[in-house]
Amino acid sequence: MDSQALTLSHVVISLIAIASGFIVVYGFLHANRMPRTTHLFLFTTFLTSLTGFIFFSRDQLLPSHITGVIALAVLVPTCVALYLRTLAGAWRRIYVIGAVVSLYLNVFVLVVQLFVKVPALHALAPGAPANPEPPFKIAQGAVFVLFIAIGFLAVKRFHPDGVARLAPAPT
């Protein structure tokens, strides 16, 4: 495969991970496990990091490598929580937080790539991401705040029994 085909493969895998991740998070907010979509999300998120390392290896450590290592480190307890601990007890929160952080990292990289590759965004912040300028910082800050809110709501609403607990159970 040539480098364009490898890049396209990596991008498609990343976009599938992001799209399926948003569906999974939507499921969290409605106490829906969405097992098939969850498997797709976790698998493509893993593949995104893996293909990033394999397809785009460099002689030096880059921020993309650090992001990939963090993403893989987050996926380990997330998968343990889901597949080995079956969301029991605190593992539910570990799973939800890990899945939301994994999606955030994918979206974080997407925003970086948009500012690098899309001419209109690049014109707003030509130094991004190495020398982040206000439009880039605002975009990444907004994404971060959005994911904090989503994460908070997801932890609060997602329960393995499928019942959203928006208010304390009656006694």
Protein backbone atom coordinates (compact mmCIF):
# COMPACT_ATOMS: atom_id res chain seq x y z
CA MET A 1 0.00 0.00 0.00
CA ASP A 2 1.22 3.51 -0.71
CA SER A 3 1.26 6.24 1.92
CA GLN A 4 -1.96 7.83 0.65
CA ALA A 5 -3.83 4.54 0.99
CA LEU A 6 -2.42 4.03 4.49
CA THR A 7 -3.40 7.54 5.49
CA LEU A 8 -6.89 7.10 4.06
CA SER A 9 -7.29 3.78 5.91
CA HIS A 10 -6.21 5.40 9.18
CA VAL A 11 -8.60 8.33 8.67
CA VAL A 12 -11.55 6.06 7.84
CA ILE A 13 -10.88 3.91 10.91
CA SER A 14 -10.64 7.06 13.06
CA LEU A 15 -13.90 8.47 11.71
CA ILE A 16 -15.67 5.15 12.34
CA ALA A 17 -14.32 5.21 15.90
CA ILE A 18 -15.58 8.76 16.43
CA ALA A 19 -19.02 8.13 14.92
CA SER A 20 -19.54 4.87 16.83
CA GLY A 21 -18.19 6.54 19.98
CA PHE A 22 -20.83 9.24 19.82
CA ILE A 23 -23.50 6.57 19.41
CA VAL A 24 -22.13 4.71 22.45
CA VAL A 25 -22.11 7.91 24.52
CA TYR A 26 -25.68 8.61 23.40
CA GLY A 27 -26.47 5.15 24.72
CA PHE A 28 -24.85 6.02 28.05
CA LEU A 29 -27.12 9.04 28.38
CA HIS A 30 -30.16 6.81 27.84
CA ALA A 31 -28.93 3.81 29.89
CA ASN A 32 -28.52 1.70 26.75
CA ARG A 33 -25.50 -0.62 26.52
CA MET A 34 -25.44 -0.88 22.70
CA PRO A 35 -23.09 -3.89 22.74
CA ARG A 36 -22.38 -4.16 18.99
CA THR A 37 -21.70 -0.46 18.61
CA THR A 38 -19.58 -0.56 21.75
CA HIS A 39 -17.45 -3.38 20.32
CA LEU A 40 -17.05 -1.44 17.07
CA PHE A 41 -16.08 1.72 18.97
CA LEU A 42 -13.52 0.03 21.20
CA PHE A 43 -12.04 -2.00 18.33
CA THR A 44 -11.73 0.94 15.93
CA THR A 45 -10.37 3.18 18.70
CA PHE A 46 -7.67 0.57 19.34
CA LEU A 47 -7.02 0.29 15.59
CA THR A 48 -6.72 4.08 15.32
CA SER A 49 -3.80 4.09 17.74
CA LEU A 50 -2.29 0.93 16.30
CA THR A 51 -2.40 2.17 12.70
CA GLY A 52 -1.04 5.50 13.85
CA PHE A 53 2.03 3.78 15.25
CA ILE A 54 2.45 1.35 12.37
CA PHE A 55 1.65 3.62 9.42
CA PHE A 56 3.30 6.81 10.70
CA SER A 57 6.39 5.73 12.62
CA ARG A 58 9.03 8.39 13.17
CA ASP A 59 12.55 8.52 14.56
CA GLN A 60 11.54 10.90 17.32
CA LEU A 61 8.77 11.03 19.90
CA LEU A 62 5.95 13.29 18.71
CA PRO A 63 2.80 14.55 20.47
CA SER A 64 0.79 12.12 18.32
CA HIS A 65 2.78 9.22 19.81
CA ILE A 66 2.08 10.44 23.33
CA THR A 67 -1.62 10.76 22.53
CA GLY A 68 -1.59 7.22 21.10
CA VAL A 69 0.08 5.81 24.21
CA ILE A 70 -2.43 7.61 26.46
CA ALA A 71 -5.30 6.33 24.31
CA LEU A 72 -4.09 2.74 24.59
CA ALA A 73 -3.49 3.13 28.34
CA VAL A 74 -7.07 4.37 28.76
CA LEU A 75 -8.47 1.51 26.66
CA VAL A 76 -6.96 -1.20 28.88
CA PRO A 77 -8.99 -0.49 32.05
CA THR A 78 -12.00 0.43 29.90
CA CYS A 79 -11.98 -3.01 28.27
CA VAL A 80 -11.21 -4.75 31.58
CA ALA A 81 -14.20 -2.99 33.14
CA LEU A 82 -16.53 -4.05 30.33
CA TYR A 83 -15.33 -7.51 29.36
CA LEU A 84 -13.73 -8.94 32.50
CA ARG A 85 -15.45 -7.12 35.36
CA THR A 86 -18.81 -6.83 33.54
CA LEU A 87 -19.39 -3.31 34.84
CA ALA A 88 -19.79 -4.51 38.44
CA GLY A 89 -19.50 -1.87 41.14
CA ALA A 90 -16.89 0.81 40.47
CA TRP A 91 -16.05 -0.83 37.13
CA ARG A 92 -19.15 0.81 35.63
CA ARG A 93 -17.70 4.25 36.27
CA ILE A 94 -14.26 3.18 35.08
CA TYR A 95 -15.81 1.92 31.86
CA VAL A 96 -17.91 5.02 31.22
CA ILE A 97 -15.09 7.44 32.02
CA GLY A 98 -12.64 5.42 29.93
CA ALA A 99 -14.99 5.31 26.95
CA VAL A 100 -15.67 9.05 27.14
CA VAL A 101 -11.95 9.83 27.49
CA SER A 102 -11.20 7.54 24.53
CA LEU A 103 -13.75 9.36 22.40
CA TYR A 104 -12.41 12.72 23.59
CA LEU A 105 -8.88 11.78 22.54
CA ASN A 106 -10.15 10.83 19.08
CA VAL A 107 -12.02 14.12 18.76
CA PHE A 108 -9.01 16.05 20.12
CA VAL A 109 -6.88 14.62 17.30
CA LEU A 110 -9.66 15.32 14.80
CA VAL A 111 -9.68 19.01 15.78
CA VAL A 112 -5.89 19.14 15.43
CA GLN A 113 -6.11 17.58 11.97
CA LEU A 114 -8.92 19.94 10.94
CA PHE A 115 -6.79 22.96 11.85
CA VAL A 116 -3.83 21.50 9.97
CA LYS A 117 -5.66 20.27 6.84
CA VAL A 118 -8.72 22.52 6.30
CA PRO A 119 -7.57 25.76 4.65
CA ALA A 120 -10.18 28.00 6.32
CA LEU A 121 -9.30 26.72 9.80
CA HIS A 122 -5.58 26.74 9.06
CA ALA A 123 -5.89 30.41 8.07
CA LEU A 124 -7.42 31.16 11.49
CA ALA A 125 -4.55 29.48 13.35
CA PRO A 126 -1.63 28.85 10.96
CA GLY A 127 0.73 27.90 13.80
CA ALA A 128 -1.54 25.26 15.30
CA PRO A 129 -0.94 22.86 16.86
CA ALA A 130 2.77 23.57 17.52
CA ASN A 131 2.09 27.23 18.30
CA PRO A 132 -1.57 27.26 19.30
CA GLU A 133 -3.39 30.49 18.59
CA PRO A 134 -6.70 31.67 20.11
CA PRO A 135 -9.07 30.03 17.58
CA PHE A 136 -7.37 26.67 18.07
CA LYS A 137 -7.33 27.07 21.85
CA ILE A 138 -11.01 28.05 21.86
CA ALA A 139 -11.99 25.07 19.71
CA GLN A 140 -10.04 22.61 21.86
CA GLY A 141 -11.32 24.26 25.05
CA ALA A 142 -14.91 23.97 23.87
CA VAL A 143 -14.41 20.30 23.01
CA PHE A 144 -12.85 19.69 26.43
CA VAL A 145 -15.72 21.40 28.30
CA LEU A 146 -18.28 19.52 26.20
CA PHE A 147 -16.66 16.19 27.06
CA ILE A 148 -16.47 17.03 30.77
CA ALA A 149 -20.23 17.67 30.72
CA ILE A 150 -20.91 14.54 28.65
CA GLY A 151 -18.73 12.47 30.97
CA PHE A 152 -20.49 13.76 34.07
CA LEU A 153 -23.93 13.01 32.63
CA ALA A 154 -22.85 9.63 31.29
CA VAL A 155 -21.54 8.47 34.67
CA LYS A 156 -24.71 9.67 36.33
CA ARG A 157 -27.16 8.15 33.85
CA PHE A 158 -25.57 4.92 32.61
CA HIS A 159 -26.34 1.84 34.66
CA PRO A 160 -25.80 -1.76 33.56
CA ASP A 161 -29.32 -2.72 34.55
CA GLY A 162 -30.59 -0.36 31.86
CA VAL A 163 -32.38 1.98 34.25
CA ALA A 164 -31.26 5.58 34.20
CA ARG A 165 -30.97 6.93 37.70
CA LEU A 166 -31.74 10.60 37.26
CA ALA A 167 -33.06 10.94 40.79
CA PRO A 168 -32.56 8.90 43.96
CA ALA A 169 -34.68 5.77 44.11
CA PRO A 170 -37.72 6.06 46.37
CA THR A 171 -37.41 4.46 49.80
